[in-house]
Amino acid sequence: MESQLAFLAVCLASAASPGPGGLAVVSNSINHNLRRTLPVIFGIATGLMLASLLANTWLLAVIHSSEMAFQVMTWLCSGYIAYLGAKALYYASREMTIAAQGYSFKNGVLISLLNPKTLVFFGALFPMFIPDQGHFISYAILLTLELVLITLVIHILVSSAIDKVSHLLQHHLVAINRATGVMFIALGISGFIF
């Protein structure tokens, strides 16, 4: 029971902490409404499920067997996050910004799936919270579902709250979109440094 509560606390902290997924939800919520942000939120949840599947199967074995494979995967994933930031900066002051287009379900999946920290989260933390290695698959599914549900709830609550005040932020969209781009680039660069 204590390990379950600890896992839920880790999930809450992870879902509420700033990262590419949360940033996409916030940006989309400011530029649009909750209804138009739901696809990216569900994409993030789908990406988390896919990341769990990958991290708990062959990808985890590859990463643990080859430090170079892990480094290359981290660089590719970080490059994608930085690319999203560069794209947001490029379109920040144009008529049709990436924010105006909105992040899609596909963007949500890729943001979640290609975030190196997501794969490390599943690969490093899951074994700590699985009490019976004989039932690894059952526990991995349960823990994944808990993380996805918590992430969905947090992102929907954040998007809903922003939806209520987005009219106050509309006058600052260019600055917000530029800040979003810079933060995505910073998150991408952090994957190359750390």
N, C-alpha and C. Protein backbone atom coordinates (compact mmCIF):
# COMPACT_ATOMS: atom_id res chain seq x y z
N MET A 1 0.83 -1.20 0.00
CA MET A 1 0.00 0.00 0.00
C MET A 1 0.87 1.26 0.00
N GLU A 2 1.95 1.26 0.79
CA GLU A 2 2.83 2.43 0.83
C GLU A 2 3.47 2.67 -0.52
N SER A 3 3.90 1.58 -1.18
CA SER A 3 4.53 1.76 -2.49
C SER A 3 3.52 2.28 -3.52
N GLN A 4 2.26 1.87 -3.38
CA GLN A 4 1.21 2.36 -4.29
C GLN A 4 0.99 3.85 -4.09
N LEU A 5 0.94 4.30 -2.85
CA LEU A 5 0.79 5.74 -2.57
C LEU A 5 2.00 6.52 -3.07
N ALA A 6 3.18 5.95 -2.89
CA ALA A 6 4.39 6.61 -3.38
C ALA A 6 4.35 6.73 -4.90
N PHE A 7 3.89 5.67 -5.58
CA PHE A 7 3.79 5.73 -7.04
C PHE A 7 2.79 6.79 -7.48
N LEU A 8 1.65 6.86 -6.80
CA LEU A 8 0.65 7.88 -7.15
C LEU A 8 1.22 9.28 -6.95
N ALA A 9 2.01 9.47 -5.89
CA ALA A 9 2.64 10.77 -5.65
C ALA A 9 3.62 11.11 -6.76
N VAL A 10 4.40 10.11 -7.20
CA VAL A 10 5.35 10.32 -8.30
C VAL A 10 4.59 10.67 -9.58
N CYS A 11 3.48 9.98 -9.83
CA CYS A 11 2.66 10.26 -11.03
C CYS A 11 2.10 11.68 -10.99
N LEU A 12 1.59 12.09 -9.84
CA LEU A 12 1.06 13.45 -9.70
C LEU A 12 2.14 14.49 -9.95
N ALA A 13 3.31 14.27 -9.35
CA ALA A 13 4.42 15.21 -9.52
C ALA A 13 4.86 15.25 -10.98
N SER A 14 4.93 14.08 -11.61
CA SER A 14 5.35 14.02 -13.01
C SER A 14 4.35 14.71 -13.94
N ALA A 15 3.07 14.46 -13.72
CA ALA A 15 2.03 15.05 -14.59
C ALA A 15 1.93 16.56 -14.38
N ALA A 16 2.18 17.03 -13.16
CA ALA A 16 2.03 18.45 -12.86
C ALA A 16 3.30 19.25 -13.16
N SER A 17 4.44 18.57 -13.30
CA SER A 17 5.70 19.29 -13.53
C SER A 17 5.81 19.71 -14.99
N PRO A 18 6.53 20.80 -15.24
CA PRO A 18 6.65 21.29 -16.61
C PRO A 18 7.42 20.30 -17.48
N GLY A 19 6.94 20.10 -18.65
CA GLY A 19 7.58 19.23 -19.63
C GLY A 19 6.95 19.48 -20.98
N PRO A 20 7.41 18.80 -22.01
CA PRO A 20 6.86 19.05 -23.35
C PRO A 20 5.36 18.83 -23.44
N GLY A 21 4.84 17.79 -22.79
CA GLY A 21 3.40 17.52 -22.85
C GLY A 21 2.60 18.62 -22.19
N GLY A 22 2.99 18.98 -20.99
CA GLY A 22 2.30 20.05 -20.27
C GLY A 22 2.37 21.37 -21.01
N LEU A 23 3.54 21.63 -21.60
CA LEU A 23 3.73 22.86 -22.37
C LEU A 23 2.81 22.90 -23.58
N ALA A 24 2.66 21.77 -24.27
CA ALA A 24 1.76 21.72 -25.43
C ALA A 24 0.31 21.93 -24.99
N VAL A 25 -0.07 21.36 -23.85
CA VAL A 25 -1.43 21.53 -23.34
C VAL A 25 -1.68 23.00 -22.99
N VAL A 26 -0.73 23.62 -22.30
CA VAL A 26 -0.89 25.03 -21.91
C VAL A 26 -0.97 25.91 -23.15
N SER A 27 -0.05 25.70 -24.09
CA SER A 27 -0.04 26.52 -25.31
C SER A 27 -1.33 26.37 -26.10
N ASN A 28 -1.76 25.13 -26.27
CA ASN A 28 -2.99 24.88 -27.03
C ASN A 28 -4.20 25.48 -26.31
N SER A 29 -4.21 25.39 -24.98
CA SER A 29 -5.33 25.92 -24.20
C SER A 29 -5.42 27.43 -24.29
N ILE A 30 -4.28 28.09 -24.31
CA ILE A 30 -4.27 29.56 -24.42
C ILE A 30 -4.77 29.98 -25.80
N ASN A 31 -4.30 29.29 -26.83
CA ASN A 31 -4.64 29.65 -28.21
C ASN A 31 -6.01 29.15 -28.64
N HIS A 32 -6.52 28.14 -27.95
CA HIS A 32 -7.80 27.54 -28.32
C HIS A 32 -8.62 27.35 -27.05
N ASN A 33 -9.45 26.34 -27.06
CA ASN A 33 -10.24 26.05 -25.87
C ASN A 33 -10.01 24.60 -25.46
N LEU A 34 -10.65 24.19 -24.38
CA LEU A 34 -10.49 22.82 -23.88
C LEU A 34 -10.87 21.80 -24.95
N ARG A 35 -11.97 22.03 -25.63
CA ARG A 35 -12.42 21.08 -26.64
C ARG A 35 -11.37 20.85 -27.72
N ARG A 36 -10.70 21.92 -28.16
CA ARG A 36 -9.67 21.80 -29.20
C ARG A 36 -8.34 21.33 -28.64
N THR A 37 -8.22 21.28 -27.31
CA THR A 37 -7.00 20.79 -26.67
C THR A 37 -7.11 19.30 -26.35
N LEU A 38 -8.32 18.78 -26.28
CA LEU A 38 -8.51 17.36 -25.95
C LEU A 38 -7.75 16.41 -26.88
N PRO A 39 -7.68 16.66 -28.20
CA PRO A 39 -6.91 15.73 -29.04
C PRO A 39 -5.44 15.60 -28.61
N VAL A 40 -4.79 16.71 -28.29
CA VAL A 40 -3.39 16.62 -27.86
C VAL A 40 -3.30 15.93 -26.51
N ILE A 41 -4.26 16.16 -25.63
CA ILE A 41 -4.26 15.50 -24.31
C ILE A 41 -4.40 13.99 -24.49
N PHE A 42 -5.32 13.56 -25.35
CA PHE A 42 -5.49 12.12 -25.60
C PHE A 42 -4.28 11.55 -26.35
N GLY A 43 -3.65 12.37 -27.18
CA GLY A 43 -2.42 11.94 -27.85
C GLY A 43 -1.30 11.71 -26.85
N ILE A 44 -1.19 12.61 -25.88
CA ILE A 44 -0.17 12.45 -24.83
C ILE A 44 -0.42 11.15 -24.06
N ALA A 45 -1.67 10.88 -23.73
CA ALA A 45 -2.02 9.65 -23.01
C ALA A 45 -1.67 8.42 -23.84
N THR A 46 -1.97 8.46 -25.13
CA THR A 46 -1.65 7.35 -26.02
C THR A 46 -0.14 7.16 -26.12
N GLY A 47 0.59 8.27 -26.21
CA GLY A 47 2.05 8.21 -26.25
C GLY A 47 2.62 7.60 -24.98
N LEU A 48 2.02 7.93 -23.84
CA LEU A 48 2.47 7.33 -22.57
C LEU A 48 2.27 5.82 -22.58
N MET A 49 1.14 5.37 -23.10
CA MET A 49 0.90 3.92 -23.17
C MET A 49 1.90 3.24 -24.09
N LEU A 50 2.17 3.86 -25.24
CA LEU A 50 3.15 3.29 -26.16
C LEU A 50 4.55 3.30 -25.55
N ALA A 51 4.90 4.39 -24.87
CA ALA A 51 6.21 4.47 -24.21
C ALA A 51 6.35 3.40 -23.15
N SER A 52 5.29 3.14 -22.42
CA SER A 52 5.32 2.08 -21.40
C SER A 52 5.55 0.73 -22.06
N LEU A 53 4.84 0.48 -23.14
CA LEU A 53 5.01 -0.78 -23.85
C LEU A 53 6.44 -0.94 -24.35
N LEU A 54 6.97 0.12 -24.97
CA LEU A 54 8.34 0.06 -25.48
C LEU A 54 9.37 -0.07 -24.36
N ALA A 55 9.20 0.74 -23.33
CA ALA A 55 10.19 0.74 -22.24
C ALA A 55 10.19 -0.57 -21.47
N ASN A 56 9.05 -1.19 -21.36
CA ASN A 56 8.96 -2.43 -20.60
C ASN A 56 9.21 -3.67 -21.45
N THR A 57 9.53 -3.49 -22.73
CA THR A 57 9.82 -4.64 -23.58
C THR A 57 11.21 -4.48 -24.20
N TRP A 58 11.29 -4.50 -25.48
CA TRP A 58 12.58 -4.56 -26.16
C TRP A 58 13.42 -3.29 -26.02
N LEU A 59 12.79 -2.12 -26.02
CA LEU A 59 13.57 -0.89 -25.98
C LEU A 59 14.39 -0.80 -24.70
N LEU A 60 13.80 -1.19 -23.58
CA LEU A 60 14.52 -1.17 -22.32
C LEU A 60 15.75 -2.08 -22.37
N ALA A 61 15.59 -3.25 -23.00
CA ALA A 61 16.73 -4.17 -23.12
C ALA A 61 17.83 -3.56 -23.98
N VAL A 62 17.45 -2.92 -25.09
CA VAL A 62 18.43 -2.29 -25.97
C VAL A 62 19.15 -1.16 -25.24
N ILE A 63 18.39 -0.34 -24.54
CA ILE A 63 18.97 0.80 -23.83
C ILE A 63 19.95 0.32 -22.76
N HIS A 64 19.56 -0.72 -22.03
CA HIS A 64 20.44 -1.20 -20.95
C HIS A 64 21.66 -1.94 -21.48
N SER A 65 21.56 -2.49 -22.70
CA SER A 65 22.69 -3.24 -23.23
C SER A 65 23.69 -2.35 -23.96
N SER A 66 23.27 -1.19 -24.38
CA SER A 66 24.16 -0.32 -25.15
C SER A 66 23.99 1.14 -24.72
N GLU A 67 25.03 1.68 -24.13
CA GLU A 67 24.98 3.09 -23.73
C GLU A 67 24.87 3.98 -24.96
N MET A 68 25.52 3.56 -26.05
CA MET A 68 25.47 4.35 -27.28
C MET A 68 24.04 4.39 -27.84
N ALA A 69 23.34 3.24 -27.80
CA ALA A 69 21.95 3.20 -28.29
C ALA A 69 21.08 4.14 -27.47
N PHE A 70 21.28 4.16 -26.16
CA PHE A 70 20.53 5.07 -25.29
C PHE A 70 20.84 6.52 -25.65
N GLN A 71 22.12 6.82 -25.88
CA GLN A 71 22.52 8.19 -26.20
C GLN A 71 21.92 8.64 -27.53
N VAL A 72 21.95 7.77 -28.53
CA VAL A 72 21.38 8.11 -29.85
C VAL A 72 19.87 8.33 -29.73
N MET A 73 19.19 7.45 -28.98
CA MET A 73 17.76 7.60 -28.79
C MET A 73 17.45 8.94 -28.09
N THR A 74 18.23 9.26 -27.08
CA THR A 74 18.04 10.53 -26.36
C THR A 74 18.23 11.71 -27.29
N TRP A 75 19.26 11.68 -28.13
CA TRP A 75 19.51 12.78 -29.05
C TRP A 75 18.39 12.93 -30.07
N LEU A 76 17.92 11.81 -30.62
CA LEU A 76 16.82 11.87 -31.60
C LEU A 76 15.55 12.45 -30.97
N CYS A 77 15.23 11.96 -29.79
CA CYS A 77 14.03 12.45 -29.10
C CYS A 77 14.17 13.93 -28.75
N SER A 78 15.33 14.30 -28.24
CA SER A 78 15.57 15.70 -27.88
C SER A 78 15.53 16.59 -29.12
N GLY A 79 16.04 16.07 -30.22
CA GLY A 79 15.99 16.81 -31.47
C GLY A 79 14.56 17.10 -31.91
N TYR A 80 13.66 16.14 -31.73
CA TYR A 80 12.26 16.35 -32.09
C TYR A 80 11.62 17.44 -31.22
N ILE A 81 11.90 17.41 -29.92
CA ILE A 81 11.36 18.43 -29.00
C ILE A 81 11.89 19.81 -29.40
N ALA A 82 13.20 19.90 -29.70
CA ALA A 82 13.78 21.18 -30.12
C ALA A 82 13.18 21.63 -31.46
N TYR A 83 12.93 20.69 -32.37
CA TYR A 83 12.30 21.00 -33.66
C TYR A 83 10.93 21.65 -33.45
N LEU A 84 10.14 21.09 -32.52
CA LEU A 84 8.83 21.69 -32.22
C LEU A 84 9.00 23.14 -31.74
N GLY A 85 10.02 23.37 -30.93
CA GLY A 85 10.29 24.73 -30.44
C GLY A 85 10.69 25.66 -31.56
N ALA A 86 11.57 25.19 -32.45
CA ALA A 86 12.01 26.02 -33.57
C ALA A 86 10.81 26.34 -34.48
N LYS A 87 9.95 25.36 -34.69
CA LYS A 87 8.76 25.57 -35.51
C LYS A 87 7.83 26.60 -34.86
N ALA A 88 7.66 26.50 -33.54
CA ALA A 88 6.81 27.46 -32.83
C ALA A 88 7.41 28.87 -32.93
N LEU A 89 8.73 28.99 -32.80
CA LEU A 89 9.37 30.31 -32.92
C LEU A 89 9.23 30.85 -34.34
N TYR A 90 9.43 30.01 -35.32
CA TYR A 90 9.36 30.43 -36.71
C TYR A 90 7.98 31.00 -37.05
N TYR A 91 6.94 30.34 -36.55
CA TYR A 91 5.58 30.76 -36.87
C TYR A 91 4.97 31.70 -35.83
N ALA A 92 5.70 32.07 -34.80
CA ALA A 92 5.13 32.83 -33.67
C ALA A 92 4.43 34.12 -34.08
N SER A 93 5.01 34.86 -35.00
CA SER A 93 4.40 36.15 -35.34
C SER A 93 3.77 36.13 -36.73
N ARG A 94 3.69 34.99 -37.33
CA ARG A 94 3.06 34.91 -38.64
C ARG A 94 1.54 34.77 -38.49
N GLU A 95 0.88 34.99 -39.59
CA GLU A 95 -0.59 34.94 -39.60
C GLU A 95 -1.10 33.57 -39.14
N MET A 96 -0.51 32.50 -39.67
CA MET A 96 -0.95 31.15 -39.32
C MET A 96 0.13 30.50 -38.47
N THR A 97 0.08 30.69 -37.19
CA THR A 97 1.09 30.13 -36.30
C THR A 97 0.80 28.67 -36.03
N ILE A 98 1.82 27.96 -35.53
CA ILE A 98 1.60 26.57 -35.12
C ILE A 98 0.59 26.54 -34.00
N ALA A 99 0.62 27.57 -33.16
CA ALA A 99 -0.36 27.62 -32.07
C ALA A 99 -1.76 27.81 -32.62
N ALA A 100 -1.87 28.62 -33.69
CA ALA A 100 -3.19 28.83 -34.28
C ALA A 100 -3.70 27.53 -34.91
N GLN A 101 -2.79 26.77 -35.49
CA GLN A 101 -3.17 25.47 -36.03
C GLN A 101 -3.51 24.51 -34.90
N GLY A 102 -2.80 24.65 -33.82
CA GLY A 102 -3.00 23.78 -32.67
C GLY A 102 -2.17 22.52 -32.75
N TYR A 103 -1.87 21.99 -31.60
CA TYR A 103 -1.19 20.70 -31.55
C TYR A 103 -2.25 19.63 -31.75
N SER A 104 -1.89 18.61 -32.49
CA SER A 104 -2.86 17.57 -32.85
C SER A 104 -2.67 16.33 -31.97
N PHE A 105 -3.53 15.36 -32.18
CA PHE A 105 -3.40 14.06 -31.51
C PHE A 105 -2.02 13.48 -31.80
N LYS A 106 -1.62 13.53 -33.08
CA LYS A 106 -0.32 13.00 -33.50
C LYS A 106 0.82 13.71 -32.76
N ASN A 107 0.74 15.04 -32.66
CA ASN A 107 1.77 15.78 -31.92
C ASN A 107 1.83 15.31 -30.48
N GLY A 108 0.66 15.10 -29.87
CA GLY A 108 0.62 14.63 -28.48
C GLY A 108 1.29 13.28 -28.32
N VAL A 109 1.00 12.36 -29.25
CA VAL A 109 1.62 11.03 -29.20
C VAL A 109 3.13 11.15 -29.31
N LEU A 110 3.59 11.92 -30.31
CA LEU A 110 5.03 12.05 -30.52
C LEU A 110 5.73 12.78 -29.39
N ILE A 111 5.09 13.82 -28.86
CA ILE A 111 5.68 14.55 -27.73
C ILE A 111 5.90 13.61 -26.56
N SER A 112 4.91 12.81 -26.27
CA SER A 112 4.99 11.88 -25.14
C SER A 112 5.95 10.74 -25.43
N LEU A 113 5.83 10.16 -26.60
CA LEU A 113 6.62 9.00 -26.96
C LEU A 113 8.09 9.33 -27.15
N LEU A 114 8.38 10.51 -27.68
CA LEU A 114 9.76 10.88 -27.97
C LEU A 114 10.42 11.71 -26.88
N ASN A 115 9.79 11.78 -25.73
CA ASN A 115 10.41 12.47 -24.60
C ASN A 115 11.29 11.45 -23.88
N PRO A 116 12.62 11.64 -23.90
CA PRO A 116 13.51 10.66 -23.27
C PRO A 116 13.18 10.42 -21.80
N LYS A 117 12.71 11.45 -21.13
CA LYS A 117 12.40 11.30 -19.71
C LYS A 117 11.23 10.35 -19.49
N THR A 118 10.31 10.28 -20.46
CA THR A 118 9.19 9.35 -20.35
C THR A 118 9.69 7.91 -20.36
N LEU A 119 10.59 7.61 -21.31
CA LEU A 119 11.12 6.25 -21.39
C LEU A 119 11.94 5.90 -20.16
N VAL A 120 12.71 6.86 -19.67
CA VAL A 120 13.49 6.63 -18.44
C VAL A 120 12.56 6.44 -17.26
N PHE A 121 11.48 7.22 -17.22
CA PHE A 121 10.49 7.10 -16.13
C PHE A 121 9.99 5.66 -16.05
N PHE A 122 9.56 5.13 -17.19
CA PHE A 122 9.04 3.76 -17.19
C PHE A 122 10.14 2.74 -16.90
N GLY A 123 11.28 2.91 -17.54
CA GLY A 123 12.36 1.94 -17.38
C GLY A 123 12.99 1.92 -16.01
N ALA A 124 13.12 3.10 -15.40
CA ALA A 124 13.80 3.17 -14.11
C ALA A 124 12.86 3.05 -12.92
N LEU A 125 11.68 3.64 -13.02
CA LEU A 125 10.78 3.67 -11.86
C LEU A 125 9.86 2.47 -11.74
N PHE A 126 9.41 1.94 -12.85
CA PHE A 126 8.45 0.84 -12.76
C PHE A 126 8.97 -0.33 -11.93
N PRO A 127 10.20 -0.79 -12.17
CA PRO A 127 10.68 -1.93 -11.38
C PRO A 127 10.66 -1.68 -9.87
N MET A 128 10.81 -0.43 -9.47
CA MET A 128 10.79 -0.10 -8.04
C MET A 128 9.40 -0.30 -7.42
N PHE A 129 8.36 -0.21 -8.22
CA PHE A 129 6.99 -0.27 -7.71
C PHE A 129 6.26 -1.58 -8.05
N ILE A 130 7.01 -2.52 -8.59
CA ILE A 130 6.41 -3.81 -8.91
C ILE A 130 6.88 -4.82 -7.86
N PRO A 131 5.99 -5.17 -6.92
CA PRO A 131 6.39 -6.01 -5.80
C PRO A 131 6.64 -7.47 -6.15
N ASP A 132 5.98 -7.97 -7.18
CA ASP A 132 6.08 -9.38 -7.52
C ASP A 132 6.52 -9.51 -8.97
N GLN A 133 7.79 -9.88 -9.17
CA GLN A 133 8.31 -9.97 -10.54
C GLN A 133 7.59 -11.04 -11.36
N GLY A 134 6.95 -12.00 -10.68
CA GLY A 134 6.20 -13.03 -11.38
C GLY A 134 4.97 -12.48 -12.09
N HIS A 135 4.48 -11.36 -11.62
CA HIS A 135 3.31 -10.72 -12.24
C HIS A 135 3.69 -9.35 -12.82
N PHE A 136 4.86 -9.28 -13.43
CA PHE A 136 5.38 -8.03 -13.95
C PHE A 136 4.40 -7.38 -14.93
N ILE A 137 3.87 -8.16 -15.87
CA ILE A 137 2.99 -7.59 -16.91
C ILE A 137 1.73 -6.99 -16.28
N SER A 138 1.12 -7.71 -15.33
CA SER A 138 -0.10 -7.21 -14.69
C SER A 138 0.17 -5.89 -13.97
N TYR A 139 1.27 -5.85 -13.20
CA TYR A 139 1.59 -4.62 -12.48
C TYR A 139 1.97 -3.50 -13.43
N ALA A 140 2.72 -3.80 -14.49
CA ALA A 140 3.11 -2.77 -15.46
C ALA A 140 1.87 -2.16 -16.12
N ILE A 141 0.89 -2.99 -16.45
CA ILE A 141 -0.36 -2.48 -17.05
C ILE A 141 -1.10 -1.60 -16.04
N LEU A 142 -1.21 -2.07 -14.81
CA LEU A 142 -1.91 -1.30 -13.77
C LEU A 142 -1.22 0.05 -13.53
N LEU A 143 0.11 0.04 -13.40
CA LEU A 143 0.85 1.29 -13.15
C LEU A 143 0.74 2.24 -14.35
N THR A 144 0.77 1.68 -15.55
CA THR A 144 0.63 2.52 -16.75
C THR A 144 -0.74 3.18 -16.78
N LEU A 145 -1.78 2.40 -16.51
CA LEU A 145 -3.13 2.96 -16.50
C LEU A 145 -3.29 4.04 -15.44
N GLU A 146 -2.68 3.83 -14.27
CA GLU A 146 -2.75 4.86 -13.22
C GLU A 146 -2.06 6.14 -13.68
N LEU A 147 -0.87 6.01 -14.27
CA LEU A 147 -0.14 7.19 -14.75
C LEU A 147 -0.93 7.91 -15.84
N VAL A 148 -1.47 7.17 -16.78
CA VAL A 148 -2.23 7.78 -17.88
C VAL A 148 -3.47 8.48 -17.35
N LEU A 149 -4.20 7.86 -16.44
CA LEU A 149 -5.40 8.47 -15.88
C LEU A 149 -5.06 9.76 -15.12
N ILE A 150 -4.02 9.72 -14.30
CA ILE A 150 -3.61 10.91 -13.55
C ILE A 150 -3.19 12.01 -14.52
N THR A 151 -2.42 11.66 -15.54
CA THR A 151 -1.98 12.66 -16.52
C THR A 151 -3.17 13.27 -17.26
N LEU A 152 -4.12 12.43 -17.66
CA LEU A 152 -5.33 12.94 -18.32
C LEU A 152 -6.07 13.93 -17.43
N VAL A 153 -6.29 13.57 -16.17
CA VAL A 153 -7.02 14.43 -15.25
C VAL A 153 -6.29 15.75 -15.04
N ILE A 154 -4.98 15.69 -14.79
CA ILE A 154 -4.19 16.92 -14.56
C ILE A 154 -4.25 17.81 -15.80
N HIS A 155 -4.02 17.24 -16.98
CA HIS A 155 -4.01 18.05 -18.21
C HIS A 155 -5.39 18.64 -18.51
N ILE A 156 -6.45 17.89 -18.26
CA ILE A 156 -7.80 18.42 -18.48
C ILE A 156 -8.10 19.54 -17.49
N LEU A 157 -7.69 19.37 -16.23
CA LEU A 157 -7.89 20.44 -15.24
C LEU A 157 -7.11 21.70 -15.61
N VAL A 158 -5.85 21.53 -16.03
CA VAL A 158 -5.03 22.68 -16.43
C VAL A 158 -5.66 23.37 -17.63
N SER A 159 -6.04 22.59 -18.64
CA SER A 159 -6.64 23.17 -19.84
C SER A 159 -7.95 23.89 -19.52
N SER A 160 -8.74 23.29 -18.65
CA SER A 160 -10.01 23.90 -18.26
C SER A 160 -9.79 25.23 -17.53
N ALA A 161 -8.80 25.25 -16.64
CA ALA A 161 -8.50 26.49 -15.91
C ALA A 161 -8.01 27.58 -16.86
N ILE A 162 -7.13 27.21 -17.79
CA ILE A 162 -6.62 28.19 -18.75
C ILE A 162 -7.74 28.67 -19.67
N ASP A 163 -8.63 27.76 -20.02
CA ASP A 163 -9.76 28.11 -20.88
C ASP A 163 -10.57 29.25 -20.26
N LYS A 164 -10.67 29.27 -18.95
CA LYS A 164 -11.45 30.31 -18.25
C LYS A 164 -10.79 31.69 -18.30
N VAL A 165 -9.45 31.71 -18.43
CA VAL A 165 -8.74 33.01 -18.43
C VAL A 165 -8.06 33.32 -19.76
N SER A 166 -8.27 32.46 -20.75
CA SER A 166 -7.55 32.64 -22.02
C SER A 166 -7.88 33.98 -22.70
N HIS A 167 -9.10 34.48 -22.48
CA HIS A 167 -9.45 35.77 -23.09
C HIS A 167 -8.54 36.90 -22.58
N LEU A 168 -8.02 36.76 -21.37
CA LEU A 168 -7.08 37.75 -20.83
C LEU A 168 -5.70 37.63 -21.47
N LEU A 169 -5.38 36.43 -21.96
CA LEU A 169 -4.05 36.18 -22.52
C LEU A 169 -3.99 36.39 -24.03
N GLN A 170 -5.14 36.53 -24.69
CA GLN A 170 -5.19 36.60 -26.14
C GLN A 170 -4.37 37.77 -26.70
N HIS A 171 -4.24 38.86 -25.95
CA HIS A 171 -3.49 40.03 -26.44
C HIS A 171 -1.99 39.78 -26.44
N HIS A 172 -1.56 38.71 -25.82
CA HIS A 172 -0.13 38.42 -25.68
C HIS A 172 0.27 37.13 -26.40
N LEU A 173 -0.50 36.74 -27.41
CA LEU A 173 -0.27 35.46 -28.07
C LEU A 173 1.11 35.35 -28.70
N VAL A 174 1.59 36.38 -29.35
CA VAL A 174 2.90 36.30 -30.00
C VAL A 174 3.97 36.04 -28.94
N ALA A 175 3.93 36.77 -27.84
CA ALA A 175 4.92 36.57 -26.77
C ALA A 175 4.80 35.18 -26.16
N ILE A 176 3.57 34.73 -25.96
CA ILE A 176 3.35 33.40 -25.38
C ILE A 176 3.84 32.32 -26.34
N ASN A 177 3.57 32.48 -27.63
CA ASN A 177 4.03 31.49 -28.61
C ASN A 177 5.55 31.49 -28.72
N ARG A 178 6.16 32.66 -28.62
CA ARG A 178 7.63 32.71 -28.63
C ARG A 178 8.20 32.05 -27.38
N ALA A 179 7.59 32.34 -26.23
CA ALA A 179 8.06 31.71 -24.98
C ALA A 179 7.90 30.20 -25.05
N THR A 180 6.80 29.73 -25.63
CA THR A 180 6.59 28.30 -25.80
C THR A 180 7.70 27.70 -26.66
N GLY A 181 8.01 28.37 -27.77
CA GLY A 181 9.09 27.89 -28.64
C GLY A 181 10.42 27.82 -27.92
N VAL A 182 10.74 28.86 -27.17
CA VAL A 182 12.01 28.89 -26.43
C VAL A 182 12.05 27.76 -25.40
N MET A 183 10.93 27.53 -24.71
CA MET A 183 10.91 26.47 -23.70
C MET A 183 11.06 25.09 -24.33
N PHE A 184 10.41 24.87 -25.48
CA PHE A 184 10.58 23.59 -26.17
C PHE A 184 12.04 23.39 -26.59
N ILE A 185 12.65 24.44 -27.12
CA ILE A 185 14.06 24.35 -27.52
C ILE A 185 14.93 24.06 -26.30
N ALA A 186 14.67 24.75 -25.18
CA ALA A 186 15.45 24.51 -23.96
C ALA A 186 15.29 23.07 -23.47
N LEU A 187 14.08 22.54 -23.54
CA LEU A 187 13.87 21.13 -23.14
C LEU A 187 14.62 20.19 -24.09
N GLY A 188 14.60 20.51 -25.37
CA GLY A 188 15.34 19.69 -26.34
C GLY A 188 16.83 19.75 -26.10
N ILE A 189 17.35 20.93 -25.86
CA ILE A 189 18.80 21.08 -25.60
C ILE A 189 19.18 20.36 -24.33
N SER A 190 18.32 20.37 -23.32
CA SER A 190 18.65 19.69 -22.06
C SER A 190 18.87 18.19 -22.29
N GLY A 191 18.19 17.62 -23.29
CA GLY A 191 18.40 16.21 -23.61
C GLY A 191 19.78 15.95 -24.20
N PHE A 192 20.36 16.96 -24.86
CA PHE A 192 21.71 16.80 -25.41
C PHE A 192 22.78 17.01 -24.34
N ILE A 193 22.44 17.78 -23.31
CA ILE A 193 23.43 18.11 -22.27
C ILE A 193 23.45 17.07 -21.17
N PHE A 194 22.28 16.65 -20.72
CA PHE A 194 22.22 15.76 -19.55
C PHE A 194 22.12 14.31 -19.94
